[in-house]
């Protein structure tokens, strides 16, 4: 019997992947990511469209920025957020398509 070589993920990569799925597992973060996959948004717009509190949106955006799934851009006094990882956007859209079948 031949023993095949397996490639294992290192612990840093496992942690990074886990954080991505953690982000996608939270309903509020999922809604924010989906909205940001459609358009760049200011916090007030996200609050209005998703009917969430400003503190909840700010908290979730902080989490998403820490794991580099969203990025921000300042224009005057307004901060705009957008998706920063097209691979995660693709995962999100694949999950949506999977649910539609």
Protein backbone atom coordinates (compact mmCIF):
# COMPACT_ATOMS: atom_id res chain seq x y z
CA UNK A 1 0.00 0.00 0.00
CA UNK A 2 1.42 3.36 -1.09
CA UNK A 3 1.34 6.24 1.37
CA UNK A 4 0.46 9.47 -0.39
CA UNK A 5 1.77 12.82 0.68
CA UNK A 6 -0.79 15.28 1.97
CA UNK A 7 -0.47 19.01 2.03
CA UNK A 8 -1.84 20.57 5.18
CA UNK A 9 -2.84 24.14 5.81
CA UNK A 10 -0.65 26.00 8.25
CA UNK A 11 -2.31 27.42 11.35
CA UNK A 12 -2.11 31.05 10.15
CA UNK A 13 -3.96 30.21 6.95
CA UNK A 14 -6.57 28.17 8.86
CA UNK A 15 -7.16 31.16 11.16
CA UNK A 16 -7.50 33.57 8.22
CA UNK A 17 -9.99 31.28 6.45
CA UNK A 18 -11.92 30.85 9.68
CA UNK A 19 -12.21 34.65 10.03
CA UNK A 20 -13.63 34.94 6.52
CA UNK A 21 -16.29 32.34 7.22
CA UNK A 22 -16.99 33.94 10.60
CA UNK A 23 -17.61 37.23 8.79
CA UNK A 24 -19.95 35.56 6.31
CA UNK A 25 -21.80 33.65 9.07
CA UNK A 26 -23.07 36.80 10.79
CA UNK A 27 -26.38 38.10 9.31
CA UNK A 28 -25.53 41.77 9.84
CA UNK A 29 -22.07 41.47 8.32
CA UNK A 30 -23.53 39.45 5.46
CA UNK A 31 -26.05 42.21 4.69
CA UNK A 32 -23.34 44.87 4.85
CA UNK A 33 -20.98 42.91 2.60
CA UNK A 34 -23.75 42.27 0.08
CA UNK A 35 -24.67 45.96 -0.02
CA UNK A 36 -21.01 46.96 -0.39
CA UNK A 37 -20.62 44.42 -3.20
CA UNK A 38 -23.28 46.43 -5.05
CA UNK A 39 -22.04 49.96 -4.33
CA UNK A 40 -19.64 52.06 -2.31
CA UNK A 41 -21.50 53.45 0.72
CA UNK A 42 -21.19 55.93 3.55
CA UNK A 43 -22.14 54.69 7.03
CA UNK A 44 -25.35 56.75 7.02
CA UNK A 45 -26.44 55.11 3.76
CA UNK A 46 -25.80 51.62 5.17
CA UNK A 47 -27.76 52.54 8.32
CA UNK A 48 -30.68 53.78 6.23
CA UNK A 49 -30.79 50.96 3.67
CA UNK A 50 -30.35 48.11 6.14
CA UNK A 51 -32.36 49.71 8.97
CA UNK A 52 -29.58 49.21 11.51
CA UNK A 53 -28.20 51.45 14.24
CA UNK A 54 -25.14 53.53 13.44
CA UNK A 55 -23.21 51.91 16.29
CA UNK A 56 -24.00 48.41 14.97
CA UNK A 57 -22.87 49.34 11.46
CA UNK A 58 -19.70 51.01 12.73
CA UNK A 59 -18.89 48.00 14.91
CA UNK A 60 -19.35 45.54 12.05
CA UNK A 61 -17.41 47.70 9.60
CA UNK A 62 -14.55 47.74 12.11
CA UNK A 63 -14.56 43.94 12.24
CA UNK A 64 -14.66 43.72 8.44
CA UNK A 65 -11.84 46.25 8.07
CA UNK A 66 -9.67 44.39 10.58
CA UNK A 67 -9.79 41.26 8.44
CA UNK A 68 -9.43 43.35 5.27
CA UNK A 69 -12.76 42.51 3.69
CA UNK A 70 -13.75 46.18 3.39
CA UNK A 71 -11.76 49.35 2.86
CA UNK A 72 -12.55 52.98 3.45
CA UNK A 73 -12.03 56.15 1.45
CA UNK A 74 -12.42 59.65 2.84
CA UNK A 75 -13.99 62.42 0.78
CA UNK A 76 -14.11 65.63 2.81
CA UNK A 77 -15.83 64.71 6.06
CA UNK A 78 -17.56 61.63 4.64
CA UNK A 79 -16.05 58.15 4.78
CA UNK A 80 -17.08 55.70 2.07
CA UNK A 81 -16.75 51.94 2.41
CA UNK A 82 -16.39 49.30 -0.29
CA UNK A 83 -15.43 45.65 -0.57
CA UNK A 84 -11.69 45.02 -0.49
CA UNK A 85 -11.61 41.35 -1.46
CA UNK A 86 -13.17 40.21 -4.71
CA UNK A 87 -12.62 36.56 -3.74
CA UNK A 88 -14.95 36.98 -0.76
CA UNK A 89 -17.48 38.80 -2.93
CA UNK A 90 -17.33 35.81 -5.27
CA UNK A 91 -17.90 33.43 -2.35
CA UNK A 92 -20.88 35.52 -1.28
CA UNK A 93 -22.41 35.48 -4.75
CA UNK A 94 -21.78 31.73 -5.08
CA UNK A 95 -23.62 31.16 -1.79
CA UNK A 96 -26.52 33.30 -3.01
CA UNK A 97 -26.66 31.35 -6.30
CA UNK A 98 -26.53 28.08 -4.36
CA UNK A 99 -29.55 29.15 -2.29
CA UNK A 100 -31.45 30.08 -5.45
CA UNK A 101 -31.26 26.50 -6.79
